[in-house]
Amino acid sequence: MRSGRHGAARPPVGVLIQQERLDFALFALIIVVALVSMVFSGPGSVVFWLAFVPIIASGVLAFRRIEHLSRMELRDSELL
């Protein structure tokens, strides 16, 4: 079993995103470029279907980054 506080409140997602604005701006840019390429290529193109890869990958990486920042914030608050 893990040690530490159970049910500790995590900081709001908006606060975590503001800590690493550049990372999340790049994730958003990747998603926007993929969506634009999907719009201009159409569903009959390979580009349309390959554009799902960066969209999903950016979503997963953003989620993992939020979780990592949240854990770091909780660890910092426990040290106080």
PDB file of N, CA and C in Angstrom:
ATOM      1  N   MET A   1       0.839  -1.168   0.000  1.00  0.00           N
ATOM      2  CA  MET A   1       0.000   0.000   0.000  1.00  0.00           C
ATOM      3  C   MET A   1       0.890   1.240   0.000  1.00  0.00           C
ATOM      4  N   ARG A   2       0.424   2.290  -0.624  1.00  0.00           N
ATOM      5  CA  ARG A   2       1.201   3.517  -0.705  1.00  0.00           C
ATOM      6  C   ARG A   2       1.134   4.290   0.600  1.00  0.00           C
ATOM      7  N   SER A   3       2.216   4.987   0.864  1.00  0.00           N
ATOM      8  CA  SER A   3       2.205   5.850   2.038  1.00  0.00           C
ATOM      9  C   SER A   3       1.761   7.242   1.626  1.00  0.00           C
ATOM     10  N   GLY A   4       1.400   8.055   2.568  1.00  0.00           N
ATOM     11  CA  GLY A   4       0.994   9.422   2.276  1.00  0.00           C
ATOM     12  C   GLY A   4      -0.459   9.640   2.604  1.00  0.00           C
ATOM     13  N   ARG A   5      -0.903  10.844   2.329  1.00  0.00           N
ATOM     14  CA  ARG A   5      -2.284  11.202   2.637  1.00  0.00           C
ATOM     15  C   ARG A   5      -3.223  10.587   1.620  1.00  0.00           C
ATOM     16  N   HIS A   6      -4.329  10.117   2.109  1.00  0.00           N
ATOM     17  CA  HIS A   6      -5.350   9.566   1.222  1.00  0.00           C
ATOM     18  C   HIS A   6      -6.422  10.622   1.025  1.00  0.00           C
ATOM     19  N   GLY A   7      -6.853  10.772  -0.194  1.00  0.00           N
ATOM     20  CA  GLY A   7      -7.896  11.740  -0.488  1.00  0.00           C
ATOM     21  C   GLY A   7      -7.392  13.167  -0.503  1.00  0.00           C
ATOM     22  N   ALA A   8      -6.108  13.355  -0.705  1.00  0.00           N
ATOM     23  CA  ALA A   8      -5.556  14.707  -0.736  1.00  0.00           C
ATOM     24  C   ALA A   8      -6.085  15.440  -1.961  1.00  0.00           C
ATOM     25  N   ALA A   9      -6.442  16.678  -1.765  1.00  0.00           N
ATOM     26  CA  ALA A   9      -6.992  17.478  -2.860  1.00  0.00           C
ATOM     27  C   ALA A   9      -5.882  17.847  -3.834  1.00  0.00           C
ATOM     28  N   ARG A  10      -6.147  17.633  -5.099  1.00  0.00           N
ATOM     29  CA  ARG A  10      -5.191  18.006  -6.137  1.00  0.00           C
ATOM     30  C   ARG A  10      -5.486  19.427  -6.591  1.00  0.00           C
ATOM     31  N   PRO A  11      -4.471  20.117  -7.065  1.00  0.00           N
ATOM     32  CA  PRO A  11      -4.708  21.480  -7.551  1.00  0.00           C
ATOM     33  C   PRO A  11      -5.555  21.459  -8.820  1.00  0.00           C
ATOM     34  N   PRO A  12      -6.264  22.554  -9.090  1.00  0.00           N
ATOM     35  CA  PRO A  12      -7.084  22.613 -10.308  1.00  0.00           C
ATOM     36  C   PRO A  12      -6.226  22.472 -11.567  1.00  0.00           C
ATOM     37  N   VAL A  13      -6.811  21.908 -12.594  1.00  0.00           N
ATOM     38  CA  VAL A  13      -6.098  21.656 -13.843  1.00  0.00           C
ATOM     39  C   VAL A  13      -5.617  22.966 -14.461  1.00  0.00           C
ATOM     40  N   GLY A  14      -6.417  24.016 -14.361  1.00  0.00           N
ATOM     41  CA  GLY A  14      -6.020  25.304 -14.922  1.00  0.00           C
ATOM     42  C   GLY A  14      -4.736  25.834 -14.315  1.00  0.00           C
ATOM     43  N   VAL A  15      -4.553  25.608 -13.033  1.00  0.00           N
ATOM     44  CA  VAL A  15      -3.323  26.044 -12.358  1.00  0.00           C
ATOM     45  C   VAL A  15      -2.142  25.250 -12.882  1.00  0.00           C
ATOM     46  N   LEU A  16      -2.326  23.966 -13.072  1.00  0.00           N
ATOM     47  CA  LEU A  16      -1.242  23.122 -13.572  1.00  0.00           C
ATOM     48  C   LEU A  16      -0.873  23.497 -15.005  1.00  0.00           C
ATOM     49  N   ILE A  17      -1.872  23.800 -15.817  1.00  0.00           N
ATOM     50  CA  ILE A  17      -1.610  24.168 -17.201  1.00  0.00           C
ATOM     51  C   ILE A  17      -0.855  25.492 -17.263  1.00  0.00           C
ATOM     52  N   GLN A  18      -1.181  26.427 -16.377  1.00  0.00           N
ATOM     53  CA  GLN A  18      -0.477  27.715 -16.389  1.00  0.00           C
ATOM     54  C   GLN A  18       0.981  27.576 -15.968  1.00  0.00           C
ATOM     55  N   GLN A  19       1.297  26.548 -15.210  1.00  0.00           N
ATOM     56  CA  GLN A  19       2.690  26.329 -14.813  1.00  0.00           C
ATOM     57  C   GLN A  19       3.548  25.949 -16.014  1.00  0.00           C
ATOM     58  N   GLU A  20       2.991  25.239 -16.946  1.00  0.00           N
ATOM     59  CA  GLU A  20       3.717  24.757 -18.127  1.00  0.00           C
ATOM     60  C   GLU A  20       2.984  25.183 -19.395  1.00  0.00           C
ATOM     61  N   ARG A  21       2.810  26.469 -19.581  1.00  0.00           N
ATOM     62  CA  ARG A  21       2.045  26.979 -20.724  1.00  0.00           C
ATOM     63  C   ARG A  21       2.623  26.538 -22.060  1.00  0.00           C
ATOM     64  N   LEU A  22       3.928  26.573 -22.175  1.00  0.00           N
ATOM     65  CA  LEU A  22       4.558  26.238 -23.455  1.00  0.00           C
ATOM     66  C   LEU A  22       4.277  24.787 -23.853  1.00  0.00           C
ATOM     67  N   ASP A  23       4.389  23.861 -22.906  1.00  0.00           N
ATOM     68  CA  ASP A  23       4.110  22.453 -23.212  1.00  0.00           C
ATOM     69  C   ASP A  23       2.686  22.267 -23.737  1.00  0.00           C
ATOM     70  N   PHE A  24       1.721  22.856 -23.047  1.00  0.00           N
ATOM     71  CA  PHE A  24       0.333  22.670 -23.442  1.00  0.00           C
ATOM     72  C   PHE A  24      -0.008  23.454 -24.707  1.00  0.00           C
ATOM     73  N   ALA A  25       0.687  24.556 -24.946  1.00  0.00           N
ATOM     74  CA  ALA A  25       0.500  25.284 -26.203  1.00  0.00           C
ATOM     75  C   ALA A  25       1.002  24.448 -27.375  1.00  0.00           C
ATOM     76  N   LEU A  26       2.115  23.751 -27.183  1.00  0.00           N
ATOM     77  CA  LEU A  26       2.624  22.879 -28.245  1.00  0.00           C
ATOM     78  C   LEU A  26       1.699  21.695 -28.493  1.00  0.00           C
ATOM     79  N   PHE A  27       1.144  21.116 -27.431  1.00  0.00           N
ATOM     80  CA  PHE A  27       0.173  20.033 -27.608  1.00  0.00           C
ATOM     81  C   PHE A  27      -1.030  20.533 -28.399  1.00  0.00           C
ATOM     82  N   ALA A  28      -1.515  21.727 -28.067  1.00  0.00           N
ATOM     83  CA  ALA A  28      -2.664  22.294 -28.778  1.00  0.00           C
ATOM     84  C   ALA A  28      -2.316  22.570 -30.238  1.00  0.00           C
ATOM     85  N   LEU A  29      -1.114  23.066 -30.503  1.00  0.00           N
ATOM     86  CA  LEU A  29      -0.687  23.335 -31.877  1.00  0.00           C
ATOM     87  C   LEU A  29      -0.629  22.051 -32.704  1.00  0.00           C
ATOM     88  N   ILE A  30      -0.118  20.988 -32.116  1.00  0.00           N
ATOM     89  CA  ILE A  30      -0.060  19.697 -32.817  1.00  0.00           C
ATOM     90  C   ILE A  30      -1.461  19.222 -33.175  1.00  0.00           C
ATOM     91  N   ILE A  31      -2.379  19.359 -32.238  1.00  0.00           N
ATOM     92  CA  ILE A  31      -3.758  18.921 -32.483  1.00  0.00           C
ATOM     93  C   ILE A  31      -4.401  19.775 -33.570  1.00  0.00           C
ATOM     94  N   VAL A  32      -4.183  21.088 -33.532  1.00  0.00           N
ATOM     95  CA  VAL A  32      -4.779  21.981 -34.536  1.00  0.00           C
ATOM     96  C   VAL A  32      -4.232  21.675 -35.925  1.00  0.00           C
ATOM     97  N   VAL A  33      -2.926  21.459 -36.036  1.00  0.00           N
ATOM     98  CA  VAL A  33      -2.336  21.134 -37.349  1.00  0.00           C
ATOM     99  C   VAL A  33      -2.897  19.815 -37.871  1.00  0.00           C
ATOM    100  N   ALA A  34      -3.048  18.845 -36.998  1.00  0.00           N
ATOM    101  CA  ALA A  34      -3.613  17.565 -37.422  1.00  0.00           C
ATOM    102  C   ALA A  34      -5.069  17.723 -37.876  1.00  0.00           C
ATOM    103  N   LEU A  35      -5.844  18.517 -37.151  1.00  0.00           N
ATOM    104  CA  LEU A  35      -7.239  18.733 -37.534  1.00  0.00           C
ATOM    105  C   LEU A  35      -7.347  19.482 -38.862  1.00  0.00           C
ATOM    106  N   VAL A  36      -6.484  20.466 -39.075  1.00  0.00           N
ATOM    107  CA  VAL A  36      -6.494  21.204 -40.345  1.00  0.00           C
ATOM    108  C   VAL A  36      -6.145  20.274 -41.499  1.00  0.00           C
ATOM    109  N   SER A  37      -5.159  19.420 -41.285  1.00  0.00           N
ATOM    110  CA  SER A  37      -4.802  18.479 -42.353  1.00  0.00           C
ATOM    111  C   SER A  37      -5.939  17.493 -42.618  1.00  0.00           C
ATOM    112  N   MET A  38      -6.693  17.140 -41.584  1.00  0.00           N
ATOM    113  CA  MET A  38      -7.843  16.256 -41.772  1.00  0.00           C
ATOM    114  C   MET A  38      -8.923  16.949 -42.590  1.00  0.00           C
ATOM    115  N   VAL A  39      -9.154  18.214 -42.300  1.00  0.00           N
ATOM    116  CA  VAL A  39     -10.199  18.965 -43.013  1.00  0.00           C
ATOM    117  C   VAL A  39      -9.851  19.102 -44.493  1.00  0.00           C
ATOM    118  N   PHE A  40      -8.604  19.428 -44.785  1.00  0.00           N
ATOM    119  CA  PHE A  40      -8.220  19.652 -46.179  1.00  0.00           C
ATOM    120  C   PHE A  40      -7.996  18.362 -46.968  1.00  0.00           C
ATOM    121  N   SER A  41      -7.727  17.253 -46.314  1.00  0.00           N
ATOM    122  CA  SER A  41      -7.456  16.020 -47.057  1.00  0.00           C
ATOM    123  C   SER A  41      -8.719  15.203 -47.320  1.00  0.00           C
ATOM    124  N   GLY A  42      -9.664  15.207 -46.412  1.00  0.00           N
ATOM    125  CA  GLY A  42     -10.891  14.434 -46.585  1.00  0.00           C
ATOM    126  C   GLY A  42     -10.718  12.997 -46.147  1.00  0.00           C
ATOM    127  N   PRO A  43     -11.834  12.318 -45.851  1.00  0.00           N
ATOM    128  CA  PRO A  43     -11.770  10.967 -45.291  1.00  0.00           C
ATOM    129  C   PRO A  43     -11.266   9.898 -46.255  1.00  0.00           C
ATOM    130  N   GLY A  44     -11.129  10.200 -47.514  1.00  0.00           N
ATOM    131  CA  GLY A  44     -10.626   9.214 -48.470  1.00  0.00           C
ATOM    132  C   GLY A  44      -9.119   9.157 -48.540  1.00  0.00           C
ATOM    133  N   SER A  45      -8.457  10.048 -47.834  1.00  0.00           N
ATOM    134  CA  SER A  45      -7.006  10.151 -47.906  1.00  0.00           C
ATOM    135  C   SER A  45      -6.348   9.449 -46.719  1.00  0.00           C
ATOM    136  N   VAL A  46      -5.128   8.980 -46.952  1.00  0.00           N
ATOM    137  CA  VAL A  46      -4.344   8.349 -45.886  1.00  0.00           C
ATOM    138  C   VAL A  46      -3.966   9.388 -44.834  1.00  0.00           C
ATOM    139  N   VAL A  47      -3.744  10.626 -45.274  1.00  0.00           N
ATOM    140  CA  VAL A  47      -3.371  11.702 -44.350  1.00  0.00           C
ATOM    141  C   VAL A  47      -4.463  11.901 -43.301  1.00  0.00           C
ATOM    142  N   PHE A  48      -5.708  11.802 -43.718  1.00  0.00           N
ATOM    143  CA  PHE A  48      -6.829  11.948 -42.793  1.00  0.00           C
ATOM    144  C   PHE A  48      -6.731  10.934 -41.667  1.00  0.00           C
ATOM    145  N   TRP A  49      -6.485   9.697 -41.996  1.00  0.00           N
ATOM    146  CA  TRP A  49      -6.462   8.638 -40.991  1.00  0.00           C
ATOM    147  C   TRP A  49      -5.177   8.657 -40.168  1.00  0.00           C
ATOM    148  N   LEU A  50      -4.069   9.080 -40.776  1.00  0.00           N
ATOM    149  CA  LEU A  50      -2.816   9.182 -40.015  1.00  0.00           C
ATOM    150  C   LEU A  50      -2.827  10.372 -39.063  1.00  0.00           C
ATOM    151  N   ALA A  51      -3.687  11.344 -39.297  1.00  0.00           N
ATOM    152  CA  ALA A  51      -3.767  12.507 -38.421  1.00  0.00           C
ATOM    153  C   ALA A  51      -4.326  12.144 -37.045  1.00  0.00           C
ATOM    154  N   PHE A  52      -4.980  11.001 -36.933  1.00  0.00           N
ATOM    155  CA  PHE A  52      -5.470  10.571 -35.627  1.00  0.00           C
ATOM    156  C   PHE A  52      -4.330  10.227 -34.676  1.00  0.00           C
ATOM    157  N   VAL A  53      -3.206   9.794 -35.228  1.00  0.00           N
ATOM    158  CA  VAL A  53      -2.064   9.397 -34.389  1.00  0.00           C
ATOM    159  C   VAL A  53      -1.548  10.572 -33.559  1.00  0.00           C
ATOM    160  N   PRO A  54      -1.216  11.734 -34.153  1.00  0.00           N
ATOM    161  CA  PRO A  54      -0.744  12.830 -33.309  1.00  0.00           C
ATOM    162  C   PRO A  54      -1.822  13.405 -32.385  1.00  0.00           C
ATOM    163  N   ILE A  55      -3.078  13.326 -32.800  1.00  0.00           N
ATOM    164  CA  ILE A  55      -4.154  13.821 -31.932  1.00  0.00           C
ATOM    165  C   ILE A  55      -4.234  12.975 -30.667  1.00  0.00           C
ATOM    166  N   ILE A  56      -4.240  11.663 -30.842  1.00  0.00           N
ATOM    167  CA  ILE A  56      -4.322  10.768 -29.689  1.00  0.00           C
ATOM    168  C   ILE A  56      -3.061  10.857 -28.848  1.00  0.00           C
ATOM    169  N   ALA A  57      -1.903  10.900 -29.508  1.00  0.00           N
ATOM    170  CA  ALA A  57      -0.640  10.978 -28.771  1.00  0.00           C
ATOM    171  C   ALA A  57      -0.547  12.276 -27.968  1.00  0.00           C
ATOM    172  N   SER A  58      -0.966  13.386 -28.535  1.00  0.00           N
ATOM    173  CA  SER A  58      -0.927  14.658 -27.813  1.00  0.00           C
ATOM    174  C   SER A  58      -1.877  14.643 -26.628  1.00  0.00           C
ATOM    175  N   GLY A  59      -3.038  14.055 -26.808  1.00  0.00           N
ATOM    176  CA  GLY A  59      -3.985  13.944 -25.695  1.00  0.00           C
ATOM    177  C   GLY A  59      -3.420  13.114 -24.547  1.00  0.00           C
ATOM    178  N   VAL A  60      -2.802  11.997 -24.892  1.00  0.00           N
ATOM    179  CA  VAL A  60      -2.212  11.131 -23.870  1.00  0.00           C
ATOM    180  C   VAL A  60      -1.049  11.838 -23.165  1.00  0.00           C
ATOM    181  N   LEU A  61      -0.197  12.489 -23.944  1.00  0.00           N
ATOM    182  CA  LEU A  61       0.942  13.192 -23.346  1.00  0.00           C
ATOM    183  C   LEU A  61       0.496  14.351 -22.458  1.00  0.00           C
ATOM    184  N   ALA A  62      -0.548  15.075 -22.865  1.00  0.00           N
ATOM    185  CA  ALA A  62      -1.064  16.172 -22.045  1.00  0.00           C
ATOM    186  C   ALA A  62      -1.624  15.626 -20.734  1.00  0.00           C
ATOM    187  N   PHE A  63      -2.362  14.518 -20.806  1.00  0.00           N
ATOM    188  CA  PHE A  63      -2.912  13.905 -19.593  1.00  0.00           C
ATOM    189  C   PHE A  63      -1.790  13.455 -18.653  1.00  0.00           C
ATOM    190  N   ARG A  64      -0.769  12.820 -19.222  1.00  0.00           N
ATOM    191  CA  ARG A  64       0.358  12.368 -18.393  1.00  0.00           C
ATOM    192  C   ARG A  64       1.105  13.534 -17.775  1.00  0.00           C
ATOM    193  N   ARG A  65       1.229  14.646 -18.527  1.00  0.00           N
ATOM    194  CA  ARG A  65       1.913  15.830 -18.001  1.00  0.00           C
ATOM    195  C   ARG A  65       1.121  16.438 -16.846  1.00  0.00           C
ATOM    196  N   ILE A  66      -0.197  16.490 -16.978  1.00  0.00           N
ATOM    197  CA  ILE A  66      -1.036  17.003 -15.890  1.00  0.00           C
ATOM    198  C   ILE A  66      -0.899  16.128 -14.657  1.00  0.00           C
ATOM    199  N   GLU A  67      -0.903  14.817 -14.840  1.00  0.00           N
ATOM    200  CA  GLU A  67      -0.735  13.906 -13.701  1.00  0.00           C
ATOM    201  C   GLU A  67       0.622  14.098 -13.037  1.00  0.00           C
ATOM    202  N   HIS A  68       1.671  14.255 -13.835  1.00  0.00           N
ATOM    203  CA  HIS A  68       3.019  14.448 -13.295  1.00  0.00           C
ATOM    204  C   HIS A  68       3.105  15.760 -12.510  1.00  0.00           C
ATOM    205  N   LEU A  69       2.569  16.835 -13.081  1.00  0.00           N
ATOM    206  CA  LEU A  69       2.582  18.114 -12.387  1.00  0.00           C
ATOM    207  C   LEU A  69       1.770  18.060 -11.106  1.00  0.00           C
ATOM    208  N   SER A  70       0.668  17.336 -11.136  1.00  0.00           N
ATOM    209  CA  SER A  70      -0.168  17.194  -9.945  1.00  0.00           C
ATOM    210  C   SER A  70       0.575  16.457  -8.842  1.00  0.00           C
ATOM    211  N   ARG A  71       1.258  15.373  -9.216  1.00  0.00           N
ATOM    212  CA  ARG A  71       2.038  14.628  -8.211  1.00  0.00           C
ATOM    213  C   ARG A  71       3.161  15.474  -7.631  1.00  0.00           C
ATOM    214  N   MET A  72       3.824  16.259  -8.490  1.00  0.00           N
ATOM    215  CA  MET A  72       4.883  17.137  -8.002  1.00  0.00           C
ATOM    216  C   MET A  72       4.327  18.184  -7.033  1.00  0.00           C
ATOM    217  N   GLU A  73       3.170  18.724  -7.352  1.00  0.00           N
ATOM    218  CA  GLU A  73       2.541  19.733  -6.484  1.00  0.00           C
ATOM    219  C   GLU A  73       2.159  19.134  -5.140  1.00  0.00           C
ATOM    220  N   LEU A  74       1.625  17.918  -5.154  1.00  0.00           N
ATOM    221  CA  LEU A  74       1.275  17.249  -3.897  1.00  0.00           C
ATOM    222  C   LEU A  74       2.517  16.934  -3.075  1.00  0.00           C
ATOM    223  N   ARG A  75       3.575  16.505  -3.741  1.00  0.00           N
ATOM    224  CA  ARG A  75       4.819  16.182  -3.047  1.00  0.00           C
ATOM    225  C   ARG A  75       5.406  17.441  -2.404  1.00  0.00           C
ATOM    226  N   ASP A  76       5.339  18.558  -3.114  1.00  0.00           N
ATOM    227  CA  ASP A  76       5.838  19.825  -2.572  1.00  0.00           C
ATOM    228  C   ASP A  76       5.028  20.292  -1.374  1.00  0.00           C
ATOM    229  N   SER A  77       3.712  20.087  -1.422  1.00  0.00           N
ATOM    230  CA  SER A  77       2.874  20.521  -0.309  1.00  0.00           C
ATOM    231  C   SER A  77       3.058  19.645   0.925  1.00  0.00           C
ATOM    232  N   GLU A  78       3.446  18.389   0.731  1.00  0.00           N
ATOM    233  CA  GLU A  78       3.697  17.504   1.869  1.00  0.00           C
ATOM    234  C   GLU A  78       4.982  17.851   2.581  1.00  0.00           C
ATOM    235  N   LEU A  79       5.915  18.467   1.875  1.00  0.00           N
ATOM    236  CA  LEU A  79       7.192  18.826   2.483  1.00  0.00           C
ATOM    237  C   LEU A  79       7.068  20.052   3.387  1.00  0.00           C
ATOM    238  N   LEU A  80       6.017  20.835   3.218  1.00  0.00           N
ATOM    239  CA  LEU A  80       5.862  22.046   4.032  1.00  0.00           C
ATOM    240  C   LEU A  80       5.512  21.739   5.429  1.00  0.00           C
TER     241      LEU A  80
END
